[in-house]
Amino acid sequence: LRAIGIKEDDEVIVPTHTFIATWLAALNLGAKVIAAPVKESNLLIDEERLESYITKKTKCIIPVHLYGNIANMQKINNIAHKHNLFVIDDAAQAHGSEINGQRVGNLADITCFSFYPTKNLGALGESGGITTNNLSLINKIKSLRNYGRSSNDYSKNIFQGGNFKGDEIQAAFLIAKLSKLQEIKENRRNLISIYENCSNKNWKLIDYCSGASPNLAVIKLKNFKLRSKLINFLAKKSIQTSIHYKIPCHKQTFLEQNQFSINDEDAMQALDISNRILSLPISEVHTFEEIKYVIDAIDEFYCKYKIV
């Protein structure tokens, strides 16, 4: 966002349902977050409703490829081009995801990746990366990450940058792991398929597109109370679950009313999603038997409590 010149009072469109980091990027520059709704089927930003959230102050759209799914980038890019906006996609959970033969990282003006250890392409510690095909943005980002130094003369600081350089040990680890990314993706897709094939009228995964590189296996339950009961039931069977994300961004306590905009309908949707979603176990090292154990436990839960 610094690289494209986002400043105070600019507006940045982000999904209502995402990790808070997506919002913080804009808020930390003094920009105003405009929260746009997501689709119930896959929890990705709803491109069909996106245009109505654009104003004269809008400078950028940030779609999030949440859980390894891919937002409809063709439609989003078309909308952005029509209104002369930048598109920066948050691909923190989408390493290796692809659509129509194109990998995520090559679908927007700028793509931001996280290499946190829990990601499909995870480092040993904190790490991240940016991709872009725009040479001027490449040069500016390289400068911003290194105190704003000029590439021609390190004694000159041409931007107000910072120390955002990556760690060489993390880079070496990631380079080695990169050759395994396709294998990691295929293993995760196989496990997602098991969940999909065994789901029933009581529970099912959100929709994962064919090119997704699943980072999380997310289901939506009927309500908050049912989710709590299921979490406790699975825990007793040594099955760990999580919630991504339990509190919607607009409900975070640090926010002030003038920092963001969200209408009542979209706020209700975000809260409803946060109250119903549950992340089930998945990683490239889980086995078929382990995932089947989780599925059998969920089915046992519904059978035992006669939940319909």
C-alpha atoms as a PDB file:
ATOM      1  CA  LEU A   1       0.000   0.000   0.000  1.00  0.00           C
ATOM      2  CA  ARG A   2       2.910   2.376   0.630  1.00  0.00           C
ATOM      3  CA  ALA A   3       4.302   1.487  -2.773  1.00  0.00           C
ATOM      4  CA  ILE A   4       1.127   2.581  -4.577  1.00  0.00           C
ATOM      5  CA  GLY A   5       0.962   5.802  -2.549  1.00  0.00           C
ATOM      6  CA  ILE A   6      -1.906   5.102  -0.153  1.00  0.00           C
ATOM      7  CA  LYS A   7      -2.201   7.957   2.311  1.00  0.00           C
ATOM      8  CA  GLU A   8      -4.429   9.330   5.036  1.00  0.00           C
ATOM      9  CA  ASP A   9      -8.150   9.503   4.178  1.00  0.00           C
ATOM     10  CA  ASP A  10      -7.831   7.280   1.102  1.00  0.00           C
ATOM     11  CA  GLU A  11     -10.290   4.394   1.014  1.00  0.00           C
ATOM     12  CA  VAL A  12      -9.292   0.743   0.658  1.00  0.00           C
ATOM     13  CA  ILE A  13     -11.894  -1.967   0.050  1.00  0.00           C
ATOM     14  CA  VAL A  14     -11.337  -5.183   2.008  1.00  0.00           C
ATOM     15  CA  PRO A  15     -13.528  -8.213   2.780  1.00  0.00           C
ATOM     16  CA  THR A  16     -15.588  -8.231   5.964  1.00  0.00           C
ATOM     17  CA  HIS A  17     -14.368 -11.765   6.714  1.00  0.00           C
ATOM     18  CA  THR A  18     -10.585 -12.055   6.832  1.00  0.00           C
ATOM     19  CA  PHE A  19      -7.675 -11.994   9.266  1.00  0.00           C
ATOM     20  CA  ILE A  20      -7.187  -8.586  10.890  1.00  0.00           C
ATOM     21  CA  ALA A  21      -3.836  -8.114   9.106  1.00  0.00           C
ATOM     22  CA  THR A  22      -5.695  -7.277   5.893  1.00  0.00           C
ATOM     23  CA  TRP A  23      -7.426  -4.383   7.628  1.00  0.00           C
ATOM     24  CA  LEU A  24      -4.356  -3.279   9.579  1.00  0.00           C
ATOM     25  CA  ALA A  25      -2.314  -2.653   6.440  1.00  0.00           C
ATOM     26  CA  ALA A  26      -4.681   0.138   5.410  1.00  0.00           C
ATOM     27  CA  LEU A  27      -5.396   1.402   8.925  1.00  0.00           C
ATOM     28  CA  ASN A  28      -1.699   1.739   9.762  1.00  0.00           C
ATOM     29  CA  LEU A  29      -1.354   4.221   6.889  1.00  0.00           C
ATOM     30  CA  GLY A  30      -4.332   6.259   8.064  1.00  0.00           C
ATOM     31  CA  ALA A  31      -6.538   5.023   5.228  1.00  0.00           C
ATOM     32  CA  LYS A  32     -10.192   4.197   5.787  1.00  0.00           C
ATOM     33  CA  VAL A  33     -11.281   0.585   5.466  1.00  0.00           C
ATOM     34  CA  ILE A  34     -14.421  -0.022   3.433  1.00  0.00           C
ATOM     35  CA  ALA A  35     -15.716  -3.478   4.344  1.00  0.00           C
ATOM     36  CA  ALA A  36     -17.326  -5.410   1.491  1.00  0.00           C
ATOM     37  CA  PRO A  37     -19.370  -8.604   1.942  1.00  0.00           C
ATOM     38  CA  VAL A  38     -18.273 -12.134   1.100  1.00  0.00           C
ATOM     39  CA  LYS A  39     -20.032 -14.991  -0.659  1.00  0.00           C
ATOM     40  CA  GLU A  40     -21.637 -17.553   1.641  1.00  0.00           C
ATOM     41  CA  SER A  41     -20.430 -20.457  -0.505  1.00  0.00           C
ATOM     42  CA  ASN A  42     -16.670 -19.872  -0.155  1.00  0.00           C
ATOM     43  CA  LEU A  43     -16.315 -16.820   2.143  1.00  0.00           C
ATOM     44  CA  LEU A  44     -14.418 -14.833  -0.517  1.00  0.00           C
ATOM     45  CA  ILE A  45     -15.157 -11.201  -1.378  1.00  0.00           C
ATOM     46  CA  ASP A  46     -18.377 -10.922  -3.381  1.00  0.00           C
ATOM     47  CA  GLU A  47     -17.303  -9.460  -6.723  1.00  0.00           C
ATOM     48  CA  GLU A  48     -20.922  -9.126  -7.844  1.00  0.00           C
ATOM     49  CA  ARG A  49     -21.578  -6.521  -5.132  1.00  0.00           C
ATOM     50  CA  LEU A  50     -18.137  -4.941  -5.110  1.00  0.00           C
ATOM     51  CA  GLU A  51     -18.760  -1.978  -7.400  1.00  0.00           C
ATOM     52  CA  SER A  52     -21.353  -0.407  -5.113  1.00  0.00           C
ATOM     53  CA  TYR A  53     -18.649   0.106  -2.429  1.00  0.00           C
ATOM     54  CA  ILE A  54     -16.428   2.252  -4.666  1.00  0.00           C
ATOM     55  CA  THR A  55     -16.367   6.024  -4.084  1.00  0.00           C
ATOM     56  CA  LYS A  56     -14.265   8.938  -5.325  1.00  0.00           C
ATOM     57  CA  LYS A  57     -11.872   8.277  -2.438  1.00  0.00           C
ATOM     58  CA  THR A  58     -11.323   4.593  -3.269  1.00  0.00           C
ATOM     59  CA  LYS A  59      -7.745   3.835  -4.314  1.00  0.00           C
ATOM     60  CA  CYS A  60      -7.373   0.083  -3.947  1.00  0.00           C
ATOM     61  CA  ILE A  61      -9.217  -3.230  -3.650  1.00  0.00           C
ATOM     62  CA  ILE A  62      -7.710  -6.018  -1.538  1.00  0.00           C
ATOM     63  CA  PRO A  63      -9.308  -9.389  -2.303  1.00  0.00           C
ATOM     64  CA  VAL A  64      -8.214 -12.196   0.029  1.00  0.00           C
ATOM     65  CA  HIS A  65      -7.639 -15.745  -1.241  1.00  0.00           C
ATOM     66  CA  LEU A  66      -8.830 -17.081   2.082  1.00  0.00           C
ATOM     67  CA  TYR A  67      -8.240 -20.716   3.097  1.00  0.00           C
ATOM     68  CA  GLY A  68      -6.391 -21.315  -0.215  1.00  0.00           C
ATOM     69  CA  ASN A  69      -9.386 -20.487  -2.403  1.00  0.00           C
ATOM     70  CA  ILE A  70      -9.085 -17.958  -5.226  1.00  0.00           C
ATOM     71  CA  ALA A  71     -11.239 -14.854  -5.507  1.00  0.00           C
ATOM     72  CA  ASN A  72     -12.746 -14.033  -8.915  1.00  0.00           C
ATOM     73  CA  MET A  73      -9.757 -11.985 -10.030  1.00  0.00           C
ATOM     74  CA  GLN A  74     -10.890 -11.511 -13.618  1.00  0.00           C
ATOM     75  CA  LYS A  75     -14.067  -9.741 -12.526  1.00  0.00           C
ATOM     76  CA  ILE A  76     -12.284  -7.821  -9.752  1.00  0.00           C
ATOM     77  CA  ASN A  77      -9.526  -6.658 -12.118  1.00  0.00           C
ATOM     78  CA  ASN A  78     -12.123  -5.559 -14.670  1.00  0.00           C
ATOM     79  CA  ILE A  79     -13.913  -3.485 -12.029  1.00  0.00           C
ATOM     80  CA  ALA A  80     -10.620  -1.991 -10.839  1.00  0.00           C
ATOM     81  CA  HIS A  81      -9.573  -1.112 -14.396  1.00  0.00           C
ATOM     82  CA  LYS A  82     -12.935   0.566 -15.018  1.00  0.00           C
ATOM     83  CA  HIS A  83     -12.477   2.794 -11.949  1.00  0.00           C
ATOM     84  CA  ASN A  84      -8.685   3.229 -12.250  1.00  0.00           C
ATOM     85  CA  LEU A  85      -7.952   1.384  -9.008  1.00  0.00           C
ATOM     86  CA  PHE A  86      -5.068  -0.780  -7.850  1.00  0.00           C
ATOM     87  CA  VAL A  87      -5.619  -4.414  -6.874  1.00  0.00           C
ATOM     88  CA  ILE A  88      -3.437  -5.933  -4.153  1.00  0.00           C
ATOM     89  CA  ASP A  89      -4.384  -9.511  -3.364  1.00  0.00           C
ATOM     90  CA  ASP A  90      -3.757 -11.048   0.034  1.00  0.00           C
ATOM     91  CA  ALA A  91      -2.388 -14.513  -0.726  1.00  0.00           C
ATOM     92  CA  ALA A  92      -1.180 -15.357   2.775  1.00  0.00           C
ATOM     93  CA  GLN A  93      -3.015 -18.698   2.590  1.00  0.00           C
ATOM     94  CA  ALA A  94      -2.841 -19.400  -1.150  1.00  0.00           C
ATOM     95  CA  HIS A  95       0.648 -20.618  -2.055  1.00  0.00           C
ATOM     96  CA  GLY A  96       0.374 -22.675  -5.241  1.00  0.00           C
ATOM     97  CA  SER A  97      -3.298 -21.885  -5.868  1.00  0.00           C
ATOM     98  CA  GLU A  98      -4.061 -21.383  -9.548  1.00  0.00           C
ATOM     99  CA  ILE A  99      -6.839 -20.569 -11.975  1.00  0.00           C
ATOM    100  CA  ASN A 100      -6.847 -21.037 -15.770  1.00  0.00           C
ATOM    101  CA  GLY A 101      -3.177 -22.010 -15.658  1.00  0.00           C
ATOM    102  CA  GLN A 102      -2.107 -18.885 -13.761  1.00  0.00           C
ATOM    103  CA  ARG A 103      -0.700 -19.081 -10.258  1.00  0.00           C
ATOM    104  CA  VAL A 104      -1.697 -16.705  -7.498  1.00  0.00           C
ATOM    105  CA  GLY A 105       1.057 -14.119  -7.346  1.00  0.00           C
ATOM    106  CA  ASN A 106       0.503 -13.244 -10.984  1.00  0.00           C
ATOM    107  CA  LEU A 107      -3.133 -12.114 -10.881  1.00  0.00           C
ATOM    108  CA  ALA A 108      -3.024  -8.561  -9.456  1.00  0.00           C
ATOM    109  CA  ASP A 109      -0.901  -5.412  -9.423  1.00  0.00           C
ATOM    110  CA  ILE A 110       0.785  -6.669  -6.257  1.00  0.00           C
ATOM    111  CA  THR A 111       0.442  -9.928  -4.315  1.00  0.00           C
ATOM    112  CA  CYS A 112       1.375 -10.337  -0.658  1.00  0.00           C
ATOM    113  CA  PHE A 113       2.386 -13.734   0.742  1.00  0.00           C
ATOM    114  CA  SER A 114       2.930 -14.852   4.306  1.00  0.00           C
ATOM    115  CA  PHE A 115       5.508 -17.553   5.006  1.00  0.00           C
ATOM    116  CA  TYR A 116       4.478 -18.019   8.626  1.00  0.00           C
ATOM    117  CA  PRO A 117       5.168 -21.643   9.687  1.00  0.00           C
ATOM    118  CA  THR A 118       1.486 -22.660   9.491  1.00  0.00           C
ATOM    119  CA  LYS A 119       1.226 -21.703   5.806  1.00  0.00           C
ATOM    120  CA  ASN A 120       1.488 -24.180   2.932  1.00  0.00           C
ATOM    121  CA  LEU A 121       4.858 -22.654   2.115  1.00  0.00           C
ATOM    122  CA  GLY A 122       5.953 -21.969   5.673  1.00  0.00           C
ATOM    123  CA  ALA A 123       9.306 -20.800   6.987  1.00  0.00           C
ATOM    124  CA  LEU A 124      10.915 -21.605  10.341  1.00  0.00           C
ATOM    125  CA  GLY A 125       9.696 -18.284  11.740  1.00  0.00           C
ATOM    126  CA  GLU A 126       8.275 -14.937  10.670  1.00  0.00           C
ATOM    127  CA  SER A 127       8.655 -14.281   6.964  1.00  0.00           C
ATOM    128  CA  GLY A 128       6.771 -12.920   3.968  1.00  0.00           C
ATOM    129  CA  GLY A 129       7.122 -11.852   0.366  1.00  0.00           C
ATOM    130  CA  ILE A 130       5.694  -9.650  -2.373  1.00  0.00           C
ATOM    131  CA  THR A 131       5.304 -10.346  -6.093  1.00  0.00           C
ATOM    132  CA  THR A 132       4.542  -7.905  -8.896  1.00  0.00           C
ATOM    133  CA  ASN A 133       5.158  -7.634 -12.635  1.00  0.00           C
ATOM    134  CA  ASN A 134       5.500  -3.839 -12.445  1.00  0.00           C
ATOM    135  CA  LEU A 135       9.180  -2.860 -12.585  1.00  0.00           C
ATOM    136  CA  SER A 136       8.690   0.565 -11.018  1.00  0.00           C
ATOM    137  CA  LEU A 137       6.801  -1.008  -8.103  1.00  0.00           C
ATOM    138  CA  ILE A 138       9.545  -3.624  -7.723  1.00  0.00           C
ATOM    139  CA  ASN A 139      12.177  -0.907  -7.420  1.00  0.00           C
ATOM    140  CA  LYS A 140      10.102   1.124  -4.973  1.00  0.00           C
ATOM    141  CA  ILE A 141       9.298  -1.890  -2.786  1.00  0.00           C
ATOM    142  CA  LYS A 142      12.966  -2.918  -2.714  1.00  0.00           C
ATOM    143  CA  SER A 143      13.830   0.573  -1.550  1.00  0.00           C
ATOM    144  CA  LEU A 144      11.038   0.772   1.045  1.00  0.00           C
ATOM    145  CA  ARG A 145      12.110  -2.505   2.639  1.00  0.00           C
ATOM    146  CA  ASN A 146      15.689  -1.214   3.017  1.00  0.00           C
ATOM    147  CA  TYR A 147      15.264   2.144   4.775  1.00  0.00           C
ATOM    148  CA  GLY A 148      14.175   3.839   1.527  1.00  0.00           C
ATOM    149  CA  ARG A 149      17.683   3.681   0.097  1.00  0.00           C
ATOM    150  CA  SER A 150      18.456   4.416  -3.529  1.00  0.00           C
ATOM    151  CA  SER A 151      19.654   1.402  -5.502  1.00  0.00           C
ATOM    152  CA  ASN A 152      22.228   3.616  -7.196  1.00  0.00           C
ATOM    153  CA  ASP A 153      23.615   5.260  -4.069  1.00  0.00           C
ATOM    154  CA  TYR A 154      23.087   3.684  -0.635  1.00  0.00           C
ATOM    155  CA  SER A 155      23.964   6.992   1.039  1.00  0.00           C
ATOM    156  CA  LYS A 156      20.724   8.475  -0.361  1.00  0.00           C
ATOM    157  CA  ASN A 157      17.306   7.724   1.123  1.00  0.00           C
ATOM    158  CA  ILE A 158      14.680   8.515  -1.498  1.00  0.00           C
ATOM    159  CA  PHE A 159      11.667   7.212   0.489  1.00  0.00           C
ATOM    160  CA  GLN A 160      10.665   7.067   4.143  1.00  0.00           C
ATOM    161  CA  GLY A 161      11.221   3.331   4.362  1.00  0.00           C
ATOM    162  CA  GLY A 162      12.025   0.865   7.105  1.00  0.00           C
ATOM    163  CA  ASN A 163      13.902  -2.329   7.836  1.00  0.00           C
ATOM    164  CA  PHE A 164      11.691  -4.996   6.262  1.00  0.00           C
ATOM    165  CA  LYS A 165      14.416  -7.180   4.805  1.00  0.00           C
ATOM    166  CA  GLY A 166      13.973 -10.936   4.930  1.00  0.00           C
ATOM    167  CA  ASP A 167      16.158 -13.259   6.972  1.00  0.00           C
ATOM    168  CA  GLU A 168      18.669 -15.267   4.912  1.00  0.00           C
ATOM    169  CA  ILE A 169      18.144 -18.442   6.971  1.00  0.00           C
ATOM    170  CA  GLN A 170      14.408 -18.271   6.330  1.00  0.00           C
ATOM    171  CA  ALA A 171      15.053 -17.673   2.631  1.00  0.00           C
ATOM    172  CA  ALA A 172      17.308 -20.735   2.383  1.00  0.00           C
ATOM    173  CA  PHE A 173      14.688 -22.879   4.109  1.00  0.00           C
ATOM    174  CA  LEU A 174      11.918 -21.570   1.829  1.00  0.00           C
ATOM    175  CA  ILE A 175      13.950 -22.098  -1.351  1.00  0.00           C
ATOM    176  CA  ALA A 176      14.485 -25.727  -0.359  1.00  0.00           C
ATOM    177  CA  LYS A 177      10.802 -26.160   0.489  1.00  0.00           C
ATOM    178  CA  LEU A 178       9.595 -24.451  -2.690  1.00  0.00           C
ATOM    179  CA  SER A 179      10.459 -27.522  -4.761  1.00  0.00           C
ATOM    180  CA  LYS A 180       7.965 -29.458  -2.617  1.00  0.00           C
ATOM    181  CA  LEU A 181       5.101 -26.958  -2.974  1.00  0.00           C
ATOM    182  CA  GLN A 182       3.231 -28.896  -5.655  1.00  0.00           C
ATOM    183  CA  GLU A 183       3.463 -32.072  -3.573  1.00  0.00           C
ATOM    184  CA  ILE A 184       2.239 -30.163  -0.511  1.00  0.00           C
ATOM    185  CA  LYS A 185      -0.691 -28.818  -2.526  1.00  0.00           C
ATOM    186  CA  GLU A 186      -1.645 -32.253  -3.887  1.00  0.00           C
ATOM    187  CA  ASN A 187      -1.510 -33.839  -0.430  1.00  0.00           C
ATOM    188  CA  ARG A 188      -3.769 -31.153   0.980  1.00  0.00           C
ATOM    189  CA  ARG A 189      -6.181 -31.388  -1.962  1.00  0.00           C
ATOM    190  CA  ASN A 190      -6.443 -35.144  -1.450  1.00  0.00           C
ATOM    191  CA  LEU A 191      -7.402 -34.612   2.185  1.00  0.00           C
ATOM    192  CA  ILE A 192      -9.928 -31.914   1.274  1.00  0.00           C
ATOM    193  CA  SER A 193     -11.453 -34.401  -1.171  1.00  0.00           C
ATOM    194  CA  ILE A 194     -11.912 -36.915   1.666  1.00  0.00           C
ATOM    195  CA  TYR A 195     -13.764 -34.303   3.697  1.00  0.00           C
ATOM    196  CA  GLU A 196     -15.870 -33.353   0.667  1.00  0.00           C
ATOM    197  CA  ASN A 197     -16.758 -36.935  -0.228  1.00  0.00           C
ATOM    198  CA  CYS A 198     -17.757 -37.805   3.338  1.00  0.00           C
ATOM    199  CA  SER A 199     -19.790 -34.697   4.105  1.00  0.00           C
ATOM    200  CA  ASN A 200     -23.544 -35.049   4.409  1.00  0.00           C
ATOM    201  CA  LYS A 201     -26.711 -33.109   5.173  1.00  0.00           C
ATOM    202  CA  ASN A 202     -25.472 -32.372   8.702  1.00  0.00           C
ATOM    203  CA  TRP A 203     -22.113 -30.827   7.823  1.00  0.00           C
ATOM    204  CA  LYS A 204     -20.086 -29.871   4.765  1.00  0.00           C
ATOM    205  CA  LEU A 205     -17.021 -27.895   3.810  1.00  0.00           C
ATOM    206  CA  ILE A 206     -17.197 -24.485   2.238  1.00  0.00           C
ATOM    207  CA  ASP A 207     -16.661 -24.671  -1.538  1.00  0.00           C
ATOM    208  CA  TYR A 208     -13.056 -25.114  -2.687  1.00  0.00           C
ATOM    209  CA  CYS A 209     -12.298 -24.338  -6.338  1.00  0.00           C
ATOM    210  CA  SER A 210     -10.439 -26.879  -8.471  1.00  0.00           C
ATOM    211  CA  GLY A 211      -7.185 -24.906  -8.395  1.00  0.00           C
ATOM    212  CA  ALA A 212      -7.209 -24.191  -4.670  1.00  0.00           C
ATOM    213  CA  SER A 213      -4.207 -25.063  -2.525  1.00  0.00           C
ATOM    214  CA  PRO A 214      -6.108 -25.605   0.738  1.00  0.00           C
ATOM    215  CA  ASN A 215      -4.592 -24.029   3.812  1.00  0.00           C
ATOM    216  CA  LEU A 216      -7.517 -24.722   6.143  1.00  0.00           C
ATOM    217  CA  ALA A 217     -10.462 -27.137   6.066  1.00  0.00           C
ATOM    218  CA  VAL A 218     -13.438 -24.994   7.036  1.00  0.00           C
ATOM    219  CA  ILE A 219     -17.008 -26.060   7.725  1.00  0.00           C
ATOM    220  CA  LYS A 220     -20.035 -23.933   8.625  1.00  0.00           C
ATOM    221  CA  LEU A 221     -22.343 -25.179  11.358  1.00  0.00           C
ATOM    222  CA  LYS A 222     -25.944 -24.182  12.042  1.00  0.00           C
ATOM    223  CA  ASN A 223     -25.227 -21.992  15.036  1.00  0.00           C
ATOM    224  CA  PHE A 224     -22.809 -20.983  17.792  1.00  0.00           C
ATOM    225  CA  LYS A 225     -24.094 -23.426  20.423  1.00  0.00           C
ATOM    226  CA  LEU A 226     -23.801 -26.410  18.093  1.00  0.00           C
ATOM    227  CA  ARG A 227     -20.246 -25.422  17.237  1.00  0.00           C
ATOM    228  CA  SER A 228     -19.283 -25.214  20.905  1.00  0.00           C
ATOM    229  CA  LYS A 229     -20.699 -28.673  21.570  1.00  0.00           C
ATOM    230  CA  LEU A 230     -18.860 -30.144  18.586  1.00  0.00           C
ATOM    231  CA  ILE A 231     -15.560 -28.537  19.604  1.00  0.00           C
ATOM    232  CA  ASN A 232     -15.847 -30.049  23.086  1.00  0.00           C
ATOM    233  CA  PHE A 233     -16.878 -33.449  21.724  1.00  0.00           C
ATOM    234  CA  LEU A 234     -13.932 -33.585  19.319  1.00  0.00           C
ATOM    235  CA  ALA A 235     -11.504 -32.388  21.987  1.00  0.00           C
ATOM    236  CA  LYS A 236     -12.427 -35.373  24.142  1.00  0.00           C
ATOM    237  CA  LYS A 237     -11.355 -37.550  21.225  1.00  0.00           C
ATOM    238  CA  SER A 238      -8.014 -35.707  21.003  1.00  0.00           C
ATOM    239  CA  ILE A 239      -9.061 -33.847  17.854  1.00  0.00           C
ATOM    240  CA  GLN A 240      -7.924 -30.242  17.831  1.00  0.00           C
ATOM    241  CA  THR A 241     -10.034 -27.673  16.003  1.00  0.00           C
ATOM    242  CA  SER A 242      -9.765 -23.916  15.608  1.00  0.00           C
ATOM    243  CA  ILE A 243     -11.818 -20.928  14.480  1.00  0.00           C
ATOM    244  CA  HIS A 244     -10.567 -18.653  11.694  1.00  0.00           C
ATOM    245  CA  TYR A 245     -11.760 -16.109  12.749  1.00  0.00           C
ATOM    246  CA  LYS A 246     -13.734 -16.048  15.985  1.00  0.00           C
ATOM    247  CA  ILE A 247     -14.210 -12.267  16.196  1.00  0.00           C
ATOM    248  CA  PRO A 248     -15.004 -10.382  12.972  1.00  0.00           C
ATOM    249  CA  CYS A 249     -12.651  -7.526  12.141  1.00  0.00           C
ATOM    250  CA  HIS A 250     -15.220  -4.777  12.691  1.00  0.00           C
ATOM    251  CA  LYS A 251     -15.740  -5.992  16.274  1.00  0.00           C
ATOM    252  CA  GLN A 252     -12.088  -5.653  17.318  1.00  0.00           C
ATOM    253  CA  THR A 253     -11.790  -3.379  20.341  1.00  0.00           C
ATOM    254  CA  PHE A 254      -9.027  -1.074  19.068  1.00  0.00           C
ATOM    255  CA  LEU A 255     -11.120   0.218  16.164  1.00  0.00           C
ATOM    256  CA  GLU A 256     -12.681   3.652  16.213  1.00  0.00           C
ATOM    257  CA  GLN A 257     -15.826   4.390  14.228  1.00  0.00           C
ATOM    258  CA  ASN A 258     -14.141   6.797  11.818  1.00  0.00           C
ATOM    259  CA  GLN A 259     -11.535   4.222  10.768  1.00  0.00           C
ATOM    260  CA  PHE A 260     -13.876   1.973   8.821  1.00  0.00           C
ATOM    261  CA  SER A 261     -17.260   1.692   7.168  1.00  0.00           C
ATOM    262  CA  ILE A 262     -19.549  -1.331   7.279  1.00  0.00           C
ATOM    263  CA  ASN A 263     -23.292  -1.424   6.773  1.00  0.00           C
ATOM    264  CA  ASP A 264     -25.631  -3.310   9.094  1.00  0.00           C
ATOM    265  CA  GLU A 265     -26.318  -6.165   6.665  1.00  0.00           C
ATOM    266  CA  ASP A 266     -22.632  -6.846   6.039  1.00  0.00           C
ATOM    267  CA  ALA A 267     -21.823  -6.576   9.750  1.00  0.00           C
ATOM    268  CA  MET A 268     -24.518  -9.156  10.529  1.00  0.00           C
ATOM    269  CA  GLN A 269     -23.158 -11.499   7.858  1.00  0.00           C
ATOM    270  CA  ALA A 270     -19.607 -11.210   9.201  1.00  0.00           C
ATOM    271  CA  LEU A 271     -20.756 -11.907  12.754  1.00  0.00           C
ATOM    272  CA  ASP A 272     -22.872 -14.862  11.636  1.00  0.00           C
ATOM    273  CA  ILE A 273     -19.927 -16.390   9.782  1.00  0.00           C
ATOM    274  CA  SER A 274     -17.615 -15.957  12.777  1.00  0.00           C
ATOM    275  CA  ASN A 275     -20.211 -17.647  14.992  1.00  0.00           C
ATOM    276  CA  ARG A 276     -20.606 -20.692  12.739  1.00  0.00           C
ATOM    277  CA  ILE A 277     -17.278 -21.562  11.100  1.00  0.00           C
ATOM    278  CA  LEU A 278     -14.903 -24.241  12.346  1.00  0.00           C
ATOM    279  CA  SER A 279     -11.503 -25.309  11.031  1.00  0.00           C
ATOM    280  CA  LEU A 280     -10.858 -29.052  11.007  1.00  0.00           C
ATOM    281  CA  PRO A 281      -7.428 -30.720  11.004  1.00  0.00           C
ATOM    282  CA  ILE A 282      -5.507 -30.598   7.719  1.00  0.00           C
ATOM    283  CA  SER A 283      -1.858 -30.466   6.706  1.00  0.00           C
ATOM    284  CA  GLU A 284       0.337 -32.110   4.123  1.00  0.00           C
ATOM    285  CA  VAL A 285       1.495 -34.650   6.720  1.00  0.00           C
ATOM    286  CA  HIS A 286      -1.920 -35.810   7.892  1.00  0.00           C
ATOM    287  CA  THR A 287      -2.896 -39.300   6.742  1.00  0.00           C
ATOM    288  CA  PHE A 288      -6.105 -40.663   5.244  1.00  0.00           C
ATOM    289  CA  GLU A 289      -6.731 -42.585   8.473  1.00  0.00           C
ATOM    290  CA  GLU A 290      -6.402 -39.458  10.605  1.00  0.00           C
ATOM    291  CA  ILE A 291      -8.842 -37.461   8.489  1.00  0.00           C
ATOM    292  CA  LYS A 292     -11.278 -40.394   8.439  1.00  0.00           C
ATOM    293  CA  TYR A 293     -11.039 -40.513  12.238  1.00  0.00           C
ATOM    294  CA  VAL A 294     -12.111 -36.857  12.366  1.00  0.00           C
ATOM    295  CA  ILE A 295     -15.011 -37.488   9.964  1.00  0.00           C
ATOM    296  CA  ASP A 296     -16.203 -40.522  11.914  1.00  0.00           C
ATOM    297  CA  ALA A 297     -16.092 -38.498  15.131  1.00  0.00           C
ATOM    298  CA  ILE A 298     -18.227 -35.729  13.608  1.00  0.00           C
ATOM    299  CA  ASP A 299     -20.760 -38.267  12.360  1.00  0.00           C
ATOM    300  CA  GLU A 300     -20.802 -39.890  15.802  1.00  0.00           C
ATOM    301  CA  PHE A 301     -21.504 -36.489  17.357  1.00  0.00           C
ATOM    302  CA  TYR A 302     -24.554 -35.913  15.166  1.00  0.00           C
ATOM    303  CA  CYS A 303     -25.782 -39.467  15.722  1.00  0.00           C
ATOM    304  CA  LYS A 304     -25.269 -39.424  19.487  1.00  0.00           C
ATOM    305  CA  TYR A 305     -27.123 -36.158  20.024  1.00  0.00           C
ATOM    306  CA  LYS A 306     -29.664 -36.855  17.277  1.00  0.00           C
ATOM    307  CA  ILE A 307     -28.984 -33.475  15.703  1.00  0.00           C
ATOM    308  CA  VAL A 308     -30.742 -32.772  12.403  1.00  0.00           C
END
